[in-house]
Amino acid sequence: TIAAACARLTSPQKTGMGGLFRVIGFAAPSLGP
């Protein structure tokens, strides 16, 4: 169950969320990466 859940969160395949979902960050310019 744990392995299947992680695969769903990270897989780039159509059945997964890993490719369609994206992540972006905003920050104070002084903060760095």
PDB file of all heavy atoms in Angstrom:
ATOM      1  N   THR A   1       0.832  -1.209   0.000  1.00  0.00           N
ATOM      2  CA  THR A   1       0.000   0.000   0.000  1.00  0.00           C
ATOM      3  C   THR A   1       0.862   1.253   0.000  1.00  0.00           C
ATOM      4  O   THR A   1       0.593   2.215  -0.733  1.00  0.00           O
ATOM      5  CB  THR A   1      -0.926   0.013   1.221  1.00  0.00           C
ATOM      6  OG1 THR A   1      -1.756  -1.150   1.203  1.00  0.00           O
ATOM      7  CG2 THR A   1      -1.801   1.254   1.231  1.00  0.00           C
ATOM      8  N   ILE A   2       1.922   1.234   0.820  1.00  0.00           N
ATOM      9  CA  ILE A   2       2.830   2.380   0.888  1.00  0.00           C
ATOM     10  C   ILE A   2       3.526   2.589  -0.445  1.00  0.00           C
ATOM     11  O   ILE A   2       3.634   3.712  -0.946  1.00  0.00           O
ATOM     12  CB  ILE A   2       3.857   2.175   2.017  1.00  0.00           C
ATOM     13  CG1 ILE A   2       3.151   2.177   3.381  1.00  0.00           C
ATOM     14  CG2 ILE A   2       4.947   3.255   1.970  1.00  0.00           C
ATOM     15  CD1 ILE A   2       4.023   1.705   4.530  1.00  0.00           C
ATOM     16  N   ALA A   3       3.985   1.506  -1.046  1.00  0.00           N
ATOM     17  CA  ALA A   3       4.675   1.604  -2.333  1.00  0.00           C
ATOM     18  C   ALA A   3       3.740   2.126  -3.421  1.00  0.00           C
ATOM     19  O   ALA A   3       4.128   2.963  -4.250  1.00  0.00           O
ATOM     20  CB  ALA A   3       5.235   0.237  -2.730  1.00  0.00           C
ATOM     21  N   ALA A   4       2.503   1.657  -3.423  1.00  0.00           N
ATOM     22  CA  ALA A   4       1.537   2.099  -4.429  1.00  0.00           C
ATOM     23  C   ALA A   4       1.225   3.589  -4.274  1.00  0.00           C
ATOM     24  O   ALA A   4       1.099   4.317  -5.269  1.00  0.00           O
ATOM     25  CB  ALA A   4       0.259   1.279  -4.320  1.00  0.00           C
ATOM     26  N   ALA A   5       1.106   4.044  -3.036  1.00  0.00           N
ATOM     27  CA  ALA A   5       0.817   5.459  -2.788  1.00  0.00           C
ATOM     28  C   ALA A   5       1.967   6.338  -3.261  1.00  0.00           C
ATOM     29  O   ALA A   5       1.743   7.380  -3.904  1.00  0.00           O
ATOM     30  CB  ALA A   5       0.545   5.685  -1.313  1.00  0.00           C
ATOM     31  N   CYS A   6       3.186   5.925  -2.957  1.00  0.00           N
ATOM     32  CA  CYS A   6       4.345   6.713  -3.385  1.00  0.00           C
ATOM     33  C   CYS A   6       4.466   6.737  -4.907  1.00  0.00           C
ATOM     34  O   CYS A   6       4.819   7.768  -5.493  1.00  0.00           O
ATOM     35  CB  CYS A   6       5.614   6.150  -2.765  1.00  0.00           C
ATOM     36  SG  CYS A   6       5.732   6.461  -0.996  1.00  0.00           S
ATOM     37  N   ALA A   7       4.160   5.609  -5.534  1.00  0.00           N
ATOM     38  CA  ALA A   7       4.200   5.567  -6.992  1.00  0.00           C
ATOM     39  C   ALA A   7       3.173   6.517  -7.594  1.00  0.00           C
ATOM     40  O   ALA A   7       3.434   7.205  -8.584  1.00  0.00           O
ATOM     41  CB  ALA A   7       3.956   4.141  -7.477  1.00  0.00           C
ATOM     42  N   ARG A   8       2.006   6.570  -6.985  1.00  0.00           N
ATOM     43  CA  ARG A   8       0.964   7.469  -7.497  1.00  0.00           C
ATOM     44  C   ARG A   8       1.395   8.931  -7.360  1.00  0.00           C
ATOM     45  O   ARG A   8       1.108   9.758  -8.224  1.00  0.00           O
ATOM     46  CB  ARG A   8      -0.340   7.237  -6.745  1.00  0.00           C
ATOM     47  CG  ARG A   8      -1.524   8.018  -7.295  1.00  0.00           C
ATOM     48  CD  ARG A   8      -2.803   7.637  -6.596  1.00  0.00           C
ATOM     49  NE  ARG A   8      -3.921   8.471  -7.032  1.00  0.00           N
ATOM     50  CZ  ARG A   8      -5.133   8.455  -6.493  1.00  0.00           C
ATOM     51  NH1 ARG A   8      -5.376   7.617  -5.487  1.00  0.00           N
ATOM     52  NH2 ARG A   8      -6.081   9.257  -6.938  1.00  0.00           N
ATOM     53  N   LEU A   9       2.085   9.260  -6.284  1.00  0.00           N
ATOM     54  CA  LEU A   9       2.516  10.635  -6.067  1.00  0.00           C
ATOM     55  C   LEU A   9       3.651  11.061  -6.990  1.00  0.00           C
ATOM     56  O   LEU A   9       3.777  12.250  -7.314  1.00  0.00           O
ATOM     57  CB  LEU A   9       2.968  10.819  -4.616  1.00  0.00           C
ATOM     58  CG  LEU A   9       1.892  10.751  -3.538  1.00  0.00           C
ATOM     59  CD1 LEU A   9       2.531  10.783  -2.161  1.00  0.00           C
ATOM     60  CD2 LEU A   9       0.905  11.909  -3.683  1.00  0.00           C
ATOM     61  N   THR A  10       4.479  10.107  -7.426  1.00  0.00           N
ATOM     62  CA  THR A  10       5.701  10.464  -8.159  1.00  0.00           C
ATOM     63  C   THR A  10       5.733  10.006  -9.610  1.00  0.00           C
ATOM     64  O   THR A  10       6.553  10.501 -10.383  1.00  0.00           O
ATOM     65  CB  THR A  10       6.935   9.871  -7.452  1.00  0.00           C
ATOM     66  OG1 THR A  10       6.808   8.435  -7.393  1.00  0.00           O
ATOM     67  CG2 THR A  10       7.069  10.421  -6.040  1.00  0.00           C
ATOM     68  N   SER A  11       4.873   9.080 -10.001  1.00  0.00           N
ATOM     69  CA  SER A  11       4.957   8.518 -11.354  1.00  0.00           C
ATOM     70  C   SER A  11       4.613   9.563 -12.413  1.00  0.00           C
ATOM     71  O   SER A  11       3.630  10.297 -12.286  1.00  0.00           O
ATOM     72  CB  SER A  11       4.010   7.334 -11.489  1.00  0.00           C
ATOM     73  OG  SER A  11       3.958   6.902 -12.853  1.00  0.00           O
ATOM     74  N   PRO A  12       5.410   9.613 -13.506  1.00  0.00           N
ATOM     75  CA  PRO A  12       5.088  10.521 -14.604  1.00  0.00           C
ATOM     76  C   PRO A  12       4.031   9.965 -15.543  1.00  0.00           C
ATOM     77  O   PRO A  12       3.614  10.652 -16.479  1.00  0.00           O
ATOM     78  CB  PRO A  12       6.439  10.665 -15.326  1.00  0.00           C
ATOM     79  CG  PRO A  12       7.123   9.348 -15.089  1.00  0.00           C
ATOM     80  CD  PRO A  12       6.692   8.913 -13.704  1.00  0.00           C
ATOM     81  N   GLN A  13       3.594   8.726 -15.307  1.00  0.00           N
ATOM     82  CA  GLN A  13       2.589   8.116 -16.168  1.00  0.00           C
ATOM     83  C   GLN A  13       1.231   8.774 -15.962  1.00  0.00           C
ATOM     84  O   GLN A  13       0.999   9.493 -14.993  1.00  0.00           O
ATOM     85  CB  GLN A  13       2.502   6.610 -15.875  1.00  0.00           C
ATOM     86  CG  GLN A  13       3.815   5.858 -16.044  1.00  0.00           C
ATOM     87  CD  GLN A  13       4.406   6.024 -17.433  1.00  0.00           C
ATOM     88  OE1 GLN A  13       3.689   5.957 -18.437  1.00  0.00           O
ATOM     89  NE2 GLN A  13       5.718   6.247 -17.499  1.00  0.00           N
ATOM     90  N   LYS A  14       0.301   8.499 -16.863  1.00  0.00           N
ATOM     91  CA  LYS A  14      -1.015   9.132 -16.833  1.00  0.00           C
ATOM     92  C   LYS A  14      -1.763   8.837 -15.538  1.00  0.00           C
ATOM     93  O   LYS A  14      -2.560   9.663 -15.063  1.00  0.00           O
ATOM     94  CB  LYS A  14      -1.829   8.655 -18.039  1.00  0.00           C
ATOM     95  CG  LYS A  14      -3.108   9.438 -18.267  1.00  0.00           C
ATOM     96  CD  LYS A  14      -3.783   9.021 -19.561  1.00  0.00           C
ATOM     97  CE  LYS A  14      -5.053   9.847 -19.801  1.00  0.00           C
ATOM     98  NZ  LYS A  14      -5.723   9.486 -21.074  1.00  0.00           N
ATOM     99  N   THR A  15      -1.524   7.670 -14.952  1.00  0.00           N
ATOM    100  CA  THR A  15      -2.214   7.289 -13.723  1.00  0.00           C
ATOM    101  C   THR A  15      -1.575   7.895 -12.475  1.00  0.00           C
ATOM    102  O   THR A  15      -2.101   7.742 -11.370  1.00  0.00           O
ATOM    103  CB  THR A  15      -2.230   5.757 -13.571  1.00  0.00           C
ATOM    104  OG1 THR A  15      -0.881   5.273 -13.649  1.00  0.00           O
ATOM    105  CG2 THR A  15      -3.062   5.120 -14.678  1.00  0.00           C
ATOM    106  N   GLY A  16      -0.431   8.566 -12.645  1.00  0.00           N
ATOM    107  CA  GLY A  16       0.265   9.156 -11.513  1.00  0.00           C
ATOM    108  C   GLY A  16       0.176  10.674 -11.517  1.00  0.00           C
ATOM    109  O   GLY A  16      -0.322  11.296 -12.457  1.00  0.00           O
ATOM    110  N   MET A  17       0.667  11.269 -10.432  1.00  0.00           N
ATOM    111  CA  MET A  17       0.640  12.721 -10.278  1.00  0.00           C
ATOM    112  C   MET A  17       2.013  13.346 -10.475  1.00  0.00           C
ATOM    113  O   MET A  17       2.153  14.572 -10.456  1.00  0.00           O
ATOM    114  CB  MET A  17       0.128  13.070  -8.872  1.00  0.00           C
ATOM    115  CG  MET A  17      -1.243  12.500  -8.539  1.00  0.00           C
ATOM    116  SD  MET A  17      -1.680  12.690  -6.785  1.00  0.00           S
ATOM    117  CE  MET A  17      -1.907  14.462  -6.688  1.00  0.00           C
ATOM    118  N   GLY A  18       3.022  12.528 -10.671  1.00  0.00           N
ATOM    119  CA  GLY A  18       4.401  13.019 -10.667  1.00  0.00           C
ATOM    120  C   GLY A  18       4.766  13.908 -11.819  1.00  0.00           C
ATOM    121  O   GLY A  18       5.642  14.776 -11.684  1.00  0.00           O
ATOM    122  N   GLY A  19       4.123  13.737 -12.970  1.00  0.00           N
ATOM    123  CA  GLY A  19       4.457  14.544 -14.131  1.00  0.00           C
ATOM    124  C   GLY A  19       3.505  15.691 -14.368  1.00  0.00           C
ATOM    125  O   GLY A  19       3.916  16.804 -14.709  1.00  0.00           O
ATOM    126  N   LEU A  20       2.208  15.449 -14.187  1.00  0.00           N
ATOM    127  CA  LEU A  20       1.210  16.490 -14.433  1.00  0.00           C
ATOM    128  C   LEU A  20       1.268  17.587 -13.375  1.00  0.00           C
ATOM    129  O   LEU A  20       1.102  18.772 -13.670  1.00  0.00           O
ATOM    130  CB  LEU A  20      -0.187  15.871 -14.458  1.00  0.00           C
ATOM    131  CG  LEU A  20      -1.361  16.840 -14.624  1.00  0.00           C
ATOM    132  CD1 LEU A  20      -1.242  17.622 -15.933  1.00  0.00           C
ATOM    133  CD2 LEU A  20      -2.695  16.091 -14.567  1.00  0.00           C
ATOM    134  N   PHE A  21       1.523  17.198 -12.118  1.00  0.00           N
ATOM    135  CA  PHE A  21       1.592  18.188 -11.034  1.00  0.00           C
ATOM    136  C   PHE A  21       2.978  18.825 -11.003  1.00  0.00           C
ATOM    137  O   PHE A  21       3.986  18.137 -11.194  1.00  0.00           O
ATOM    138  CB  PHE A  21       1.288  17.529  -9.688  1.00  0.00           C
ATOM    139  CG  PHE A  21      -0.176  17.342  -9.433  1.00  0.00           C
ATOM    140  CD1 PHE A  21      -0.902  16.409 -10.150  1.00  0.00           C
ATOM    141  CD2 PHE A  21      -0.833  18.110  -8.489  1.00  0.00           C
ATOM    142  CE1 PHE A  21      -2.262  16.236  -9.931  1.00  0.00           C
ATOM    143  CE2 PHE A  21      -2.191  17.946  -8.260  1.00  0.00           C
ATOM    144  CZ  PHE A  21      -2.914  17.008  -8.991  1.00  0.00           C
ATOM    145  N   ARG A  22       2.994  20.128 -10.742  1.00  0.00           N
ATOM    146  CA  ARG A  22       4.249  20.880 -10.714  1.00  0.00           C
ATOM    147  C   ARG A  22       4.346  21.683  -9.422  1.00  0.00           C
ATOM    148  O   ARG A  22       3.341  21.925  -8.744  1.00  0.00           O
ATOM    149  CB  ARG A  22       4.355  21.796 -11.938  1.00  0.00           C
ATOM    150  CG  ARG A  22       4.320  21.022 -13.238  1.00  0.00           C
ATOM    151  CD  ARG A  22       4.350  21.921 -14.464  1.00  0.00           C
ATOM    152  NE  ARG A  22       4.125  21.138 -15.665  1.00  0.00           N
ATOM    153  CZ  ARG A  22       5.063  20.474 -16.319  1.00  0.00           C
ATOM    154  NH1 ARG A  22       6.310  20.525 -15.880  1.00  0.00           N
ATOM    155  NH2 ARG A  22       4.775  19.771 -17.401  1.00  0.00           N
ATOM    156  N   VAL A  23       5.565  22.105  -9.127  1.00  0.00           N
ATOM    157  CA  VAL A  23       5.845  22.820  -7.875  1.00  0.00           C
ATOM    158  C   VAL A  23       6.646  24.071  -8.198  1.00  0.00           C
ATOM    159  O   VAL A  23       7.628  24.014  -8.943  1.00  0.00           O
ATOM    160  CB  VAL A  23       6.638  21.931  -6.896  1.00  0.00           C
ATOM    161  CG1 VAL A  23       6.810  22.636  -5.553  1.00  0.00           C
ATOM    162  CG2 VAL A  23       5.960  20.572  -6.715  1.00  0.00           C
ATOM    163  N   ILE A  24       6.225  25.203  -7.637  1.00  0.00           N
ATOM    164  CA  ILE A  24       6.938  26.465  -7.831  1.00  0.00           C
ATOM    165  C   ILE A  24       7.034  27.156  -6.481  1.00  0.00           C
ATOM    166  O   ILE A  24       6.150  27.014  -5.625  1.00  0.00           O
ATOM    167  CB  ILE A  24       6.205  27.347  -8.868  1.00  0.00           C
ATOM    168  CG1 ILE A  24       7.080  28.500  -9.329  1.00  0.00           C
ATOM    169  CG2 ILE A  24       4.874  27.864  -8.327  1.00  0.00           C
ATOM    170  CD1 ILE A  24       6.517  29.251 -10.534  1.00  0.00           C
ATOM    171  N   GLY A  25       8.117  27.885  -6.286  1.00  0.00           N
ATOM    172  CA  GLY A  25       8.323  28.600  -5.027  1.00  0.00           C
ATOM    173  C   GLY A  25       8.551  30.081  -5.258  1.00  0.00           C
ATOM    174  O   GLY A  25       9.194  30.472  -6.237  1.00  0.00           O
ATOM    175  N   PHE A  26       8.023  30.910  -4.360  1.00  0.00           N
ATOM    176  CA  PHE A  26       8.262  32.345  -4.349  1.00  0.00           C
ATOM    177  C   PHE A  26       8.943  32.692  -3.031  1.00  0.00           C
ATOM    178  O   PHE A  26       8.643  32.094  -1.999  1.00  0.00           O
ATOM    179  CB  PHE A  26       6.956  33.147  -4.445  1.00  0.00           C
ATOM    180  CG  PHE A  26       6.033  32.721  -5.562  1.00  0.00           C
ATOM    181  CD1 PHE A  26       4.663  32.707  -5.370  1.00  0.00           C
ATOM    182  CD2 PHE A  26       6.533  32.336  -6.791  1.00  0.00           C
ATOM    183  CE1 PHE A  26       3.797  32.329  -6.381  1.00  0.00           C
ATOM    184  CE2 PHE A  26       5.686  31.956  -7.819  1.00  0.00           C
ATOM    185  CZ  PHE A  26       4.314  31.946  -7.616  1.00  0.00           C
ATOM    186  N   ALA A  27       9.830  33.670  -3.063  1.00  0.00           N
ATOM    187  CA  ALA A  27      10.543  34.000  -1.828  1.00  0.00           C
ATOM    188  C   ALA A  27      11.078  35.418  -1.867  1.00  0.00           C
ATOM    189  O   ALA A  27      11.134  36.066  -2.920  1.00  0.00           O
ATOM    190  CB  ALA A  27      11.689  33.019  -1.608  1.00  0.00           C
ATOM    191  N   ALA A  28      11.490  35.877  -0.688  1.00  0.00           N
ATOM    192  CA  ALA A  28      12.201  37.149  -0.606  1.00  0.00           C
ATOM    193  C   ALA A  28      13.496  37.015  -1.406  1.00  0.00           C
ATOM    194  O   ALA A  28      14.176  35.988  -1.329  1.00  0.00           O
ATOM    195  CB  ALA A  28      12.504  37.473   0.851  1.00  0.00           C
ATOM    196  N   PRO A  29      13.856  38.028  -2.195  1.00  0.00           N
ATOM    197  CA  PRO A  29      15.061  37.929  -3.042  1.00  0.00           C
ATOM    198  C   PRO A  29      16.323  37.591  -2.262  1.00  0.00           C
ATOM    199  O   PRO A  29      17.228  36.948  -2.793  1.00  0.00           O
ATOM    200  CB  PRO A  29      15.145  39.321  -3.677  1.00  0.00           C
ATOM    201  CG  PRO A  29      13.751  39.840  -3.662  1.00  0.00           C
ATOM    202  CD  PRO A  29      13.137  39.302  -2.401  1.00  0.00           C
ATOM    203  N   SER A  30      16.414  38.023  -1.005  1.00  0.00           N
ATOM    204  CA  SER A  30      17.611  37.780  -0.201  1.00  0.00           C
ATOM    205  C   SER A  30      17.721  36.354   0.311  1.00  0.00           C
ATOM    206  O   SER A  30      18.758  35.970   0.855  1.00  0.00           O
ATOM    207  CB  SER A  30      17.625  38.739   0.992  1.00  0.00           C
ATOM    208  OG  SER A  30      16.474  38.529   1.805  1.00  0.00           O
ATOM    209  N   LEU A  31      16.665  35.566   0.156  1.00  0.00           N
ATOM    210  CA  LEU A  31      16.629  34.257   0.801  1.00  0.00           C
ATOM    211  C   LEU A  31      17.516  33.229   0.106  1.00  0.00           C
ATOM    212  O   LEU A  31      18.016  32.303   0.745  1.00  0.00           O
ATOM    213  CB  LEU A  31      15.180  33.744   0.846  1.00  0.00           C
ATOM    214  CG  LEU A  31      14.862  32.699   1.905  1.00  0.00           C
ATOM    215  CD1 LEU A  31      15.207  33.205   3.289  1.00  0.00           C
ATOM    216  CD2 LEU A  31      13.379  32.321   1.841  1.00  0.00           C
ATOM    217  N   GLY A  32      17.712  33.357  -1.199  1.00  0.00           N
ATOM    218  CA  GLY A  32      18.487  32.360  -1.927  1.00  0.00           C
ATOM    219  C   GLY A  32      17.608  31.221  -2.383  1.00  0.00           C
ATOM    220  O   GLY A  32      16.398  31.207  -2.127  1.00  0.00           O
ATOM    221  N   PRO A  33      18.176  30.220  -3.059  1.00  0.00           N
ATOM    222  CA  PRO A  33      17.387  29.114  -3.620  1.00  0.00           C
ATOM    223  C   PRO A  33      16.603  28.360  -2.551  1.00  0.00           C
ATOM    224  O   PRO A  33      17.128  28.049  -1.485  1.00  0.00           O
ATOM    225  CB  PRO A  33      18.454  28.216  -4.258  1.00  0.00           C
ATOM    226  CG  PRO A  33      19.632  29.102  -4.479  1.00  0.00           C
ATOM    227  CD  PRO A  33      19.607  30.089  -3.371  1.00  0.00           C
TER     228      PRO A  33
END
